Each structure stands twice: as structure tokens, then as C-alpha cells.
PDB file of N, CA and C in Angstrom:
ATOM      1  N   MET A   1     250.376  69.749 -16.910  1.00  0.00           N
ATOM      2  CA  MET A   1     250.728  70.059 -17.897  1.00  0.00           C
ATOM      3  C   MET A   1     250.274  68.772 -18.919  1.00  0.00           C
ATOM      4  N   GLU A   2     249.414  68.726 -20.011  1.00  0.00           N
ATOM      5  CA  GLU A   2     248.877  67.655 -20.825  1.00  0.00           C
ATOM      6  C   GLU A   2     250.131  67.326 -21.612  1.00  0.00           C
ATOM      7  N   GLY A   3     250.644  66.087 -21.394  1.00  0.00           N
ATOM      8  CA  GLY A   3     251.655  65.211 -22.188  1.00  0.00           C
ATOM      9  C   GLY A   3     253.058  65.689 -21.815  1.00  0.00           C
ATOM     10  N   ASP A   4     253.974  66.143 -22.663  1.00  0.00           N
ATOM     11  CA  ASP A   4     255.184  67.135 -22.205  1.00  0.00           C
ATOM     12  C   ASP A   4     255.364  67.921 -22.268  1.00  0.00           C
ATOM     13  N   GLU A   5     254.464  69.443 -22.019  1.00  0.00           N
ATOM     14  CA  GLU A   5     254.521  70.612 -22.685  1.00  0.00           C
ATOM     15  C   GLU A   5     255.703  71.665 -21.542  1.00  0.00           C
ATOM     16  N   ARG A   6     256.115  70.935 -20.972  1.00  0.00           N
ATOM     17  CA  ARG A   6     257.271  71.822 -20.021  1.00  0.00           C
ATOM     18  C   ARG A   6     257.958  72.818 -21.230  1.00  0.00           C
ATOM     19  N   MET A   7     258.284  73.755 -20.849  1.00  0.00           N
ATOM     20  CA  MET A   7     259.009  74.601 -21.202  1.00  0.00           C
ATOM     21  C   MET A   7     260.437  74.526 -21.741  1.00  0.00           C
ATOM     22  N   SER A   8     260.683  74.530 -22.628  1.00  0.00           N
ATOM     23  CA  SER A   8     262.240  74.433 -23.254  1.00  0.00           C
ATOM     24  C   SER A   8     263.083  75.595 -22.950  1.00  0.00           C
ATOM     25  N   GLN A   9     264.440  75.381 -23.015  1.00  0.00           N
ATOM     26  CA  GLN A   9     265.489  76.559 -22.805  1.00  0.00           C
ATOM     27  C   GLN A   9     265.108  77.443 -23.552  1.00  0.00           C
ATOM     28  N   SER A  10     264.888  77.055 -24.890  1.00  0.00           N
ATOM     29  CA  SER A  10     264.802  78.137 -26.034  1.00  0.00           C
ATOM     30  C   SER A  10     263.334  78.797 -25.792  1.00  0.00           C
ATOM     31  N   ASP A  11     262.694  78.280 -25.429  1.00  0.00           N
ATOM     32  CA  ASP A  11     260.733  79.326 -24.884  1.00  0.00           C
ATOM     33  C   ASP A  11     261.521  80.050 -23.858  1.00  0.00           C
ATOM     34  N   ILE A  12     262.228  79.814 -22.829  1.00  0.00           N
ATOM     35  CA  ILE A  12     262.786  80.756 -21.747  1.00  0.00           C
ATOM     36  C   ILE A  12     263.051  81.707 -22.406  1.00  0.00           C
ATOM     37  N   SER A  13     264.135  81.648 -23.265  1.00  0.00           N
ATOM     38  CA  SER A  13     265.088  82.284 -23.603  1.00  0.00           C
ATOM     39  C   SER A  13     263.943  83.585 -24.341  1.00  0.00           C
ATOM     40  N   ASP A  14     262.769  83.135 -25.403  1.00  0.00           N
ATOM     41  CA  ASP A  14     262.311  83.647 -26.295  1.00  0.00           C
ATOM     42  C   ASP A  14     261.508  84.820 -25.068  1.00  0.00           C
ATOM     43  N   LYS A  15     260.992  84.020 -24.648  1.00  0.00           N
ATOM     44  CA  LYS A  15     260.190  85.012 -23.325  1.00  0.00           C
ATOM     45  C   LYS A  15     260.841  86.194 -22.779  1.00  0.00           C
ATOM     46  N   LEU A  16     261.977  85.844 -22.404  1.00  0.00           N
ATOM     47  CA  LEU A  16     263.207  86.610 -21.701  1.00  0.00           C
ATOM     48  C   LEU A  16     263.379  88.121 -22.593  1.00  0.00           C
ATOM     49  N   PHE A  17     263.176  87.402 -24.074  1.00  0.00           N
ATOM     50  CA  PHE A  17     263.528  88.819 -24.905  1.00  0.00           C
ATOM     51  C   PHE A  17     262.392  89.937 -24.967  1.00  0.00           C
ATOM     52  N   THR A  18     261.425  89.472 -24.694  1.00  0.00           N
ATOM     53  CA  THR A  18     260.228  90.418 -24.576  1.00  0.00           C
ATOM     54  C   THR A  18     260.519  91.543 -23.457  1.00  0.00           C
ATOM     55  N   ILE A  19     261.256  91.174 -22.513  1.00  0.00           N
ATOM     56  CA  ILE A  19     261.796  92.383 -21.480  1.00  0.00           C
ATOM     57  C   ILE A  19     262.356  93.523 -22.226  1.00  0.00           C
ATOM     58  N   ARG A  20     262.415  94.367 -21.503  1.00  0.00           N
ATOM     59  CA  ARG A  20     262.923  95.503 -22.049  1.00  0.00           C
ATOM     60  C   ARG A  20     264.095  95.902 -20.764  1.00  0.00           C
ATOM     61  N   TYR A  21     264.980  96.101 -20.636  1.00  0.00           N
ATOM     62  CA  TYR A  21     265.808  96.152 -19.356  1.00  0.00           C
ATOM     63  C   TYR A  21     266.340  97.654 -19.814  1.00  0.00           C
ATOM     64  N   LYS A  22     266.300  98.554 -18.952  1.00  0.00           N
ATOM     65  CA  LYS A  22     267.067 100.019 -18.636  1.00  0.00           C
ATOM     66  C   LYS A  22     268.469  99.979 -17.777  1.00  0.00           C
ATOM     67  N   CYS A  23     269.386  99.803 -18.010  1.00  0.00           N
ATOM     68  CA  CYS A  23     270.931  99.119 -17.291  1.00  0.00           C
ATOM     69  C   CYS A  23     271.253 100.696 -16.691  1.00  0.00           C
ATOM     70  N   ASP A  24     271.576 100.808 -15.405  1.00  0.00           N
ATOM     71  CA  ASP A  24     271.942 101.439 -14.546  1.00  0.00           C
ATOM     72  C   ASP A  24     273.553 101.251 -14.751  1.00  0.00           C
ATOM     73  N   ASP A  25     274.477 101.801 -14.203  1.00  0.00           N
ATOM     74  CA  ASP A  25     276.094 101.592 -14.125  1.00  0.00           C
ATOM     75  C   ASP A  25     276.424 101.008 -13.216  1.00  0.00           C
ATOM     76  N   LYS A  26     275.475 101.139 -12.116  1.00  0.00           N
ATOM     77  CA  LYS A  26     275.964 100.403 -10.679  1.00  0.00           C
ATOM     78  C   LYS A  26     275.180  99.540 -10.430  1.00  0.00           C
ATOM     79  N   SER A  27     275.243  98.284 -10.222  1.00  0.00           N
ATOM     80  CA  SER A  27     274.750  97.187  -9.776  1.00  0.00           C
ATOM     81  C   SER A  27     273.693  97.166  -8.876  1.00  0.00           C
ATOM     82  N   HIS A  28     272.473  96.370  -8.950  1.00  0.00           N
ATOM     83  CA  HIS A  28     271.908  96.367  -7.454  1.00  0.00           C
ATOM     84  C   HIS A  28     271.537  95.100  -6.900  1.00  0.00           C
ATOM     85  N   LEU A  29     272.843  94.369  -7.581  1.00  0.00           N
ATOM     86  CA  LEU A  29     272.999  92.810  -6.722  1.00  0.00           C
ATOM     87  C   LEU A  29     274.391  93.046  -6.755  1.00  0.00           C
ATOM     88  N   VAL A  30     274.551  93.044  -5.410  1.00  0.00           N
ATOM     89  CA  VAL A  30     275.913  92.815  -4.225  1.00  0.00           C
ATOM     90  C   VAL A  30     276.117  91.403  -3.782  1.00  0.00           C
ATOM     91  N   ILE A  31     277.547  90.631  -4.229  1.00  0.00           N
ATOM     92  CA  ILE A  31     277.968  89.959  -3.061  1.00  0.00           C
ATOM     93  C   ILE A  31     278.378  90.255  -1.876  1.00  0.00           C
ATOM     94  N   LYS A  32     277.805  89.950  -0.971  1.00  0.00           N
ATOM     95  CA  LYS A  32     278.148  90.701   0.316  1.00  0.00           C
ATOM     96  C   LYS A  32     279.976  90.390   0.477  1.00  0.00           C
ATOM     97  N   ASP A  33     279.879  88.758   0.664  1.00  0.00           N
ATOM     98  CA  ASP A  33     281.458  88.477   1.288  1.00  0.00           C
ATOM     99  C   ASP A  33     281.695  87.141   0.200  1.00  0.00           C
ATOM    100  N   THR A  34     282.713  87.836  -0.662  1.00  0.00           N
ATOM    101  CA  THR A  34     283.301  86.869  -1.505  1.00  0.00           C
ATOM    102  C   THR A  34     283.856  85.538  -0.869  1.00  0.00           C
ATOM    103  N   GLN A  35     284.467  85.321  -0.016  1.00  0.00           N
ATOM    104  CA  GLN A  35     284.790  84.373   0.772  1.00  0.00           C
ATOM    105  C   GLN A  35     283.996  83.199   1.023  1.00  0.00           C
ATOM    106  N   THR A  36     282.445  84.324   1.451  1.00  0.00           N
ATOM    107  CA  THR A  36     281.495  83.044   1.756  1.00  0.00           C
ATOM    108  C   THR A  36     281.224  82.376   0.513  1.00  0.00           C
ATOM    109  N   CYS A  37     281.161  82.773  -0.930  1.00  0.00           N
ATOM    110  CA  CYS A  37     281.038  82.137  -2.162  1.00  0.00           C
ATOM    111  C   CYS A  37     282.469  81.140  -2.158  1.00  0.00           C
ATOM    112  N   LEU A  38     283.591  81.389  -1.962  1.00  0.00           N
ATOM    113  CA  LEU A  38     284.172  80.537  -2.274  1.00  0.00           C
ATOM    114  C   LEU A  38     284.406  79.507  -1.527  1.00  0.00           C
ATOM    115  N   ASN A  39     283.581  79.263  -0.262  1.00  0.00           N
ATOM    116  CA  ASN A  39     283.338  78.334   0.589  1.00  0.00           C
ATOM    117  C   ASN A  39     281.957  77.633   0.363  1.00  0.00           C
ATOM    118  N   CYS A  40     281.090  77.820  -0.497  1.00  0.00           N
ATOM    119  CA  CYS A  40     279.958  77.230  -0.843  1.00  0.00           C
ATOM    120  C   CYS A  40     280.090  76.355  -1.483  1.00  0.00           C
ATOM    121  N   VAL A  41     279.775  75.335  -1.025  1.00  0.00           N
ATOM    122  CA  VAL A  41     279.957  73.674  -1.777  1.00  0.00           C
ATOM    123  C   VAL A  41     279.043  73.999  -3.003  1.00  0.00           C
ATOM    124  N   THR A  42     277.901  74.214  -2.943  1.00  0.00           N
ATOM    125  CA  THR A  42     276.876  74.038  -3.899  1.00  0.00           C
ATOM    126  C   THR A  42     276.821  75.053  -4.657  1.00  0.00           C
ATOM    127  N   LYS A  43     277.088  76.241  -4.692  1.00  0.00           N
ATOM    128  CA  LYS A  43     276.829  77.135  -5.381  1.00  0.00           C
ATOM    129  C   LYS A  43     275.398  77.300  -6.175  1.00  0.00           C
ATOM    130  N   ASP A  44     274.515  77.269  -5.441  1.00  0.00           N
ATOM    131  CA  ASP A  44     273.581  77.352  -5.711  1.00  0.00           C
ATOM    132  C   ASP A  44     272.699  78.460  -6.672  1.00  0.00           C
ATOM    133  N   CYS A  45     273.424  79.691  -6.295  1.00  0.00           N
ATOM    134  CA  CYS A  45     272.809  80.874  -7.352  1.00  0.00           C
ATOM    135  C   CYS A  45     273.206  80.630  -8.904  1.00  0.00           C
ATOM    136  N   ASN A  46     274.360  79.520  -8.906  1.00  0.00           N
ATOM    137  CA  ASN A  46     274.363  79.223 -10.427  1.00  0.00           C
ATOM    138  C   ASN A  46     273.250  78.846 -11.054  1.00  0.00           C
ATOM    139  N   TYR A  47     272.456  78.254 -10.283  1.00  0.00           N
ATOM    140  CA  TYR A  47     271.272  77.148 -10.710  1.00  0.00           C
ATOM    141  C   TYR A  47     270.086  77.956 -10.530  1.00  0.00           C
ATOM    142  N   PHE A  48     269.813  78.700  -9.430  1.00  0.00           N
ATOM    143  CA  PHE A  48     268.388  79.235  -9.400  1.00  0.00           C
ATOM    144  C   PHE A  48     267.962  80.363  -9.907  1.00  0.00           C
ATOM    145  N   CYS A  49     268.880  81.076 -10.217  1.00  0.00           N
ATOM    146  CA  CYS A  49     268.795  82.196 -11.436  1.00  0.00           C
ATOM    147  C   CYS A  49     267.952  81.902 -12.577  1.00  0.00           C
ATOM    148  N   PRO A  50     266.841  81.993 -12.933  1.00  0.00           N
ATOM    149  CA  PRO A  50     265.997  82.076 -14.102  1.00  0.00           C
ATOM    150  C   PRO A  50     266.703  83.113 -15.152  1.00  0.00           C
ATOM    151  N   SER A  51     267.681  83.888 -14.872  1.00  0.00           N
ATOM    152  CA  SER A  51     267.887  84.458 -15.999  1.00  0.00           C
ATOM    153  C   SER A  51     269.561  84.738 -16.219  1.00  0.00           C
ATOM    154  N   ASP A  52     270.256  83.622 -15.526  1.00  0.00           N
ATOM    155  CA  ASP A  52     271.587  83.420 -15.375  1.00  0.00           C
ATOM    156  C   ASP A  52     272.057  84.689 -15.077  1.00  0.00           C
ATOM    157  N   VAL A  53     272.239  85.360 -13.892  1.00  0.00           N
ATOM    158  CA  VAL A  53     273.016  86.426 -13.450  1.00  0.00           C
ATOM    159  C   VAL A  53     274.343  85.803 -12.919  1.00  0.00           C
ATOM    160  N   TYR A  54     273.942  84.730 -12.156  1.00  0.00           N
ATOM    161  CA  TYR A  54     275.516  84.537 -11.348  1.00  0.00           C
ATOM    162  C   TYR A  54     276.266  83.457 -11.862  1.00  0.00           C
ATOM    163  N   GLU A  55     277.328  83.203 -11.765  1.00  0.00           N
ATOM    164  CA  GLU A  55     278.218  82.396 -12.218  1.00  0.00           C
ATOM    165  C   GLU A  55     279.598  82.034 -12.030  1.00  0.00           C
ATOM    166  N   TRP A  56     279.668  80.791 -11.545  1.00  0.00           N
ATOM    167  CA  TRP A  56     280.830  80.659 -10.574  1.00  0.00           C
ATOM    168  C   TRP A  56     282.270  80.742 -11.728  1.00  0.00           C
ATOM    169  N   GLU A  57     283.230  81.882 -11.494  1.00  0.00           N
ATOM    170  CA  GLU A  57     284.604  81.639 -12.423  1.00  0.00           C
ATOM    171  C   GLU A  57     285.693  80.950 -11.463  1.00  0.00           C
ATOM    172  N   LYS A  58     285.960  79.921 -11.830  1.00  0.00           N
ATOM    173  CA  LYS A  58     286.681  78.738 -11.298  1.00  0.00           C
ATOM    174  C   LYS A  58     288.355  79.620 -11.358  1.00  0.00           C
ATOM    175  N   LYS A  59     288.665  80.094 -12.547  1.00  0.00           N
ATOM    176  CA  LYS A  59     289.815  80.976 -12.221  1.00  0.00           C
ATOM    177  C   LYS A  59     290.155  81.841 -11.525  1.00  0.00           C
ATOM    178  N   LEU A  60     289.090  82.542 -11.573  1.00  0.00           N
ATOM    179  CA  LEU A  60     289.012  83.694 -10.884  1.00  0.00           C
ATOM    180  C   LEU A  60     288.823  83.449  -9.448  1.00  0.00           C
ATOM    181  N   LYS A  61     288.107  82.432  -8.984  1.00  0.00           N
ATOM    182  CA  LYS A  61     287.553  81.860  -7.888  1.00  0.00           C
ATOM    183  C   LYS A  61     286.873  83.099  -7.277  1.00  0.00           C
ATOM    184  N   ILE A  62     285.843  83.414  -7.904  1.00  0.00           N
ATOM    185  CA  ILE A  62     284.567  84.474  -7.552  1.00  0.00           C
ATOM    186  C   ILE A  62     283.481  84.344  -8.048  1.00  0.00           C
ATOM    187  N   THR A  63     281.856  84.830  -7.871  1.00  0.00           N
ATOM    188  CA  THR A  63     280.839  84.437  -8.371  1.00  0.00           C
ATOM    189  C   THR A  63     280.569  86.020  -8.994  1.00  0.00           C
ATOM    190  N   THR A  64     280.489  85.766 -10.092  1.00  0.00           N
ATOM    191  CA  THR A  64     280.245  86.860 -11.416  1.00  0.00           C
ATOM    192  C   THR A  64     278.712  87.280 -11.288  1.00  0.00           C
ATOM    193  N   VAL A  65     278.705  88.860 -11.757  1.00  0.00           N
ATOM    194  CA  VAL A  65     276.940  89.120 -11.264  1.00  0.00           C
ATOM    195  C   VAL A  65     277.046  89.838 -12.524  1.00  0.00           C
ATOM    196  N   ALA A  66     276.344  89.314 -13.487  1.00  0.00           N
ATOM    197  CA  ALA A  66     275.560  90.112 -14.675  1.00  0.00           C
ATOM    198  C   ALA A  66     274.400  90.542 -14.432  1.00  0.00           C
ATOM    199  N   PHE A  67     274.403  91.628 -13.902  1.00  0.00           N
ATOM    200  CA  PHE A  67     272.878  92.518 -13.163  1.00  0.00           C
ATOM    201  C   PHE A  67     271.906  92.836 -14.284  1.00  0.00           C
ATOM    202  N   GLU A  68     272.751  93.275 -15.389  1.00  0.00           N
ATOM    203  CA  GLU A  68     272.083  93.697 -17.008  1.00  0.00           C
ATOM    204  C   GLU A  68     270.832  92.735 -17.242  1.00  0.00           C
ATOM    205  N   ASN A  69     271.471  91.120 -17.110  1.00  0.00           N
ATOM    206  CA  ASN A  69     270.350  89.989 -16.986  1.00  0.00           C
ATOM    207  C   ASN A  69     268.879  90.003 -16.302  1.00  0.00           C
ATOM    208  N   CYS A  70     269.388  90.805 -15.193  1.00  0.00           N
ATOM    209  CA  CYS A  70     268.159  90.069 -14.152  1.00  0.00           C
ATOM    210  C   CYS A  70     266.858  90.773 -14.409  1.00  0.00           C
ATOM    211  N   ILE A  71     265.781  89.754 -14.051  1.00  0.00           N
ATOM    212  CA  ILE A  71     264.430  90.270 -14.361  1.00  0.00           C
ATOM    213  C   ILE A  71     263.921  90.416 -12.783  1.00  0.00           C
ATOM    214  N   GLU A  72     264.309  90.860 -11.771  1.00  0.00           N
ATOM    215  CA  GLU A  72     264.113  91.566 -10.639  1.00  0.00           C
ATOM    216  C   GLU A  72     262.691  90.620 -10.076  1.00  0.00           C
ATOM    217  N   CYS A  73     263.022  89.353  -9.699  1.00  0.00           N
ATOM    218  CA  CYS A  73     262.237  88.348  -9.270  1.00  0.00           C
ATOM    219  C   CYS A  73     262.556  88.041  -7.952  1.00  0.00           C
ATOM    220  N   GLY A  74     263.742  88.665  -7.615  1.00  0.00           N
ATOM    221  CA  GLY A  74     263.893  88.461  -6.046  1.00  0.00           C
ATOM    222  C   GLY A  74     264.481  86.832  -5.166  1.00  0.00           C
ATOM    223  N   THR A  75     264.219  86.131  -6.299  1.00  0.00           N
ATOM    224  CA  THR A  75     264.748  84.803  -5.974  1.00  0.00           C
ATOM    225  C   THR A  75     265.940  84.697  -5.105  1.00  0.00           C
ATOM    226  N   CYS A  76     266.981  85.212  -5.760  1.00  0.00           N
ATOM    227  CA  CYS A  76     268.608  85.781  -5.038  1.00  0.00           C
ATOM    228  C   CYS A  76     268.530  85.630  -3.635  1.00  0.00           C
ATOM    229  N   ARG A  77     267.563  86.907  -3.466  1.00  0.00           N
ATOM    230  CA  ARG A  77     267.384  87.090  -2.047  1.00  0.00           C
ATOM    231  C   ARG A  77     266.840  86.219  -1.136  1.00  0.00           C
ATOM    232  N   ILE A  78     266.583  85.167  -1.242  1.00  0.00           N
ATOM    233  CA  ILE A  78     266.004  84.055  -0.495  1.00  0.00           C
ATOM    234  C   ILE A  78     266.701  82.500  -0.794  1.00  0.00           C
ATOM    235  N   ALA A  79     267.048  82.472  -2.057  1.00  0.00           N
ATOM    236  CA  ALA A  79     267.672  81.227  -2.169  1.00  0.00           C
ATOM    237  C   ALA A  79     268.887  81.010  -1.646  1.00  0.00           C
ATOM    238  N   CYS A  80     269.870  82.054  -1.728  1.00  0.00           N
ATOM    239  CA  CYS A  80     271.299  81.636  -1.218  1.00  0.00           C
ATOM    240  C   CYS A  80     271.160  81.363   0.169  1.00  0.00           C
ATOM    241  N   PRO A  81     271.618  80.001   0.367  1.00  0.00           N
ATOM    242  CA  PRO A  81     271.386  79.203   1.726  1.00  0.00           C
ATOM    243  C   PRO A  81     272.383  80.132   2.377  1.00  0.00           C
ATOM    244  N   SER A  82     273.325  81.064   1.819  1.00  0.00           N
ATOM    245  CA  SER A  82     274.276  82.122   3.235  1.00  0.00           C
ATOM    246  C   SER A  82     273.483  83.138   3.231  1.00  0.00           C
ATOM    247  N   TYR A  83     272.676  83.716   2.545  1.00  0.00           N
ATOM    248  CA  TYR A  83     271.897  85.148   2.383  1.00  0.00           C
ATOM    249  C   TYR A  83     273.249  85.788   1.794  1.00  0.00           C
ATOM    250  N   ASN A  84     274.011  85.731   1.610  1.00  0.00           N
ATOM    251  CA  ASN A  84     274.958  86.531   0.576  1.00  0.00           C
ATOM    252  C   ASN A  84     275.040  87.136  -0.243  1.00  0.00           C
ATOM    253  N   ILE A  85     273.768  87.737  -0.916  1.00  0.00           N
ATOM    254  CA  ILE A  85     273.429  88.417  -1.828  1.00  0.00           C
ATOM    255  C   ILE A  85     272.752  89.615  -1.667  1.00  0.00           C
ATOM    256  N   ASP A  86     272.881  90.888  -1.691  1.00  0.00           N
ATOM    257  CA  ASP A  86     272.462  92.132  -1.222  1.00  0.00           C
ATOM    258  C   ASP A  86     271.549  92.384  -2.577  1.00  0.00           C
ATOM    259  N   TRP A  87     270.224  92.338  -2.251  1.00  0.00           N
ATOM    260  CA  TRP A  87     269.282  92.747  -3.514  1.00  0.00           C
ATOM    261  C   TRP A  87     268.578  93.690  -3.143  1.00  0.00           C
ATOM    262  N   VAL A  88     268.755  94.795  -4.071  1.00  0.00           N
ATOM    263  CA  VAL A  88     267.468  95.793  -3.920  1.00  0.00           C
ATOM    264  C   VAL A  88     266.737  96.276  -5.428  1.00  0.00           C
ATOM    265  N   TYR A  89     265.978  96.901  -5.415  1.00  0.00           N
ATOM    266  CA  TYR A  89     265.205  97.415  -6.940  1.00  0.00           C
ATOM    267  C   TYR A  89     266.312  98.250  -7.247  1.00  0.00           C
ATOM    268  N   PRO A  90     266.405  98.535  -8.727  1.00  0.00           N
ATOM    269  CA  PRO A  90     267.396  99.276  -9.328  1.00  0.00           C
ATOM    270  C   PRO A  90     266.377 100.809  -9.172  1.00  0.00           C
ATOM    271  N   LYS A  91     267.493 101.694  -8.802  1.00  0.00           N
ATOM    272  CA  LYS A  91     266.736 103.102  -8.497  1.00  0.00           C
ATOM    273  C   LYS A  91     265.697 103.343  -9.677  1.00  0.00           C
ATOM    274  N   GLY A  92     264.930 104.434  -9.555  1.00  0.00           N
ATOM    275  CA  GLY A  92     264.012 104.993 -10.370  1.00  0.00           C
ATOM    276  C   GLY A  92     264.824 105.249 -11.803  1.00  0.00           C
ATOM    277  N   GLY A  93     263.676 104.748 -12.868  1.00  0.00           N
ATOM    278  CA  GLY A  93     263.707 105.044 -14.032  1.00  0.00           C
ATOM    279  C   GLY A  93     264.776 103.867 -14.572  1.00  0.00           C
ATOM    280  N   TYR A  94     265.700 102.908 -13.787  1.00  0.00           N
ATOM    281  CA  TYR A  94     266.206 101.708 -14.258  1.00  0.00           C
ATOM    282  C   TYR A  94     265.553 100.505 -13.917  1.00  0.00           C
ATOM    283  N   GLY A  95     266.045  99.482 -14.666  1.00  0.00           N
ATOM    284  CA  GLY A  95     265.323  98.176 -14.366  1.00  0.00           C
ATOM    285  C   GLY A  95     264.479  97.570 -15.473  1.00  0.00           C
ATOM    286  N   MET A  96     263.333  96.853 -15.095  1.00  0.00           N
ATOM    287  CA  MET A  96     262.844  96.111 -16.020  1.00  0.00           C
ATOM    288  C   MET A  96     261.261  96.873 -16.390  1.00  0.00           C
ATOM    289  N   THR A  97     261.199  96.819 -17.962  1.00  0.00           N
ATOM    290  CA  THR A  97     259.926  97.037 -18.375  1.00  0.00           C
ATOM    291  C   THR A  97     259.208  95.671 -18.880  1.00  0.00           C
ATOM    292  N   TYR A  98     258.249  95.319 -18.992  1.00  0.00           N
ATOM    293  CA  TYR A  98     257.259  94.243 -19.433  1.00  0.00           C
ATOM    294  C   TYR A  98     256.445  94.826 -20.966  1.00  0.00           C
ATOM    295  N   LYS A  99     256.789  94.139 -22.027  1.00  0.00           N
ATOM    296  CA  LYS A  99     255.738  94.621 -22.754  1.00  0.00           C
ATOM    297  C   LYS A  99     254.444  94.170 -23.482  1.00  0.00           C
ATOM    298  N   PHE A 100     254.631  92.930 -22.371  1.00  0.00           N
ATOM    299  CA  PHE A 100     252.886  92.147 -22.394  1.00  0.00           C
ATOM    300  C   PHE A 100     252.545  92.077 -21.158  1.00  0.00           C
ATOM    301  N   GLY A 101     252.202  92.905 -20.493  1.00  0.00           N
ATOM    302  CA  GLY A 101     251.889  93.028 -19.288  1.00  0.00           C
ATOM    303  C   GLY A 101     252.527  92.653 -18.414  1.00  0.00           C
TER     304      GLY A 101
END
């Protein structure tokens, strides 16, 4: 990239705003074993998801899943070092709709 043309967080948020998501009442993302998350030192899922689906709740000692934010990129399927996230496409009629291609 020429100069310093990296995308800022606000640019990413603006682009994510162009996505339409029809939310199901049941998550298509499931943490398989909460103990695995508790034992995880790095909590990588809090950082690799581009739409901030995963967040470690220190008080509750669980990883929360905001599946409504998911852009269905599939990163969590392969980036969790323990493969502790069960990821499937949302059922028919639910999930992502992109406005611009």
C-alpha cells in the first residue's frame, strides 16, 4: 500500500455496516467445551474474529458468542488452537446478505 493507507477500525466498521444479517434465534456458532476456553492462555478468538463475535467474560469465566455479528468468514473454524468452536452456515434464509457484491 502506498504511504500509510491501512484501514482504520472506523473504516472496517463502516464496511461491516453495509452487510445485512437476518438473525436466527439459534446460534450457528457453538463453544464445544467451556473448560477448554477457561484453560486457554491466549484467548485468540477475542482477536482473530474481524467482527468481534467472541469475548472473554472474566467475571463469568466464559467466552460469550455474539453470533449476530458473524460475517461467516469461517476464521474461527481454523484459528482456534483447540478447535473448540463448532461453526456451520446458518440455516436457509438466515445469515449474511451483502449489499455491494
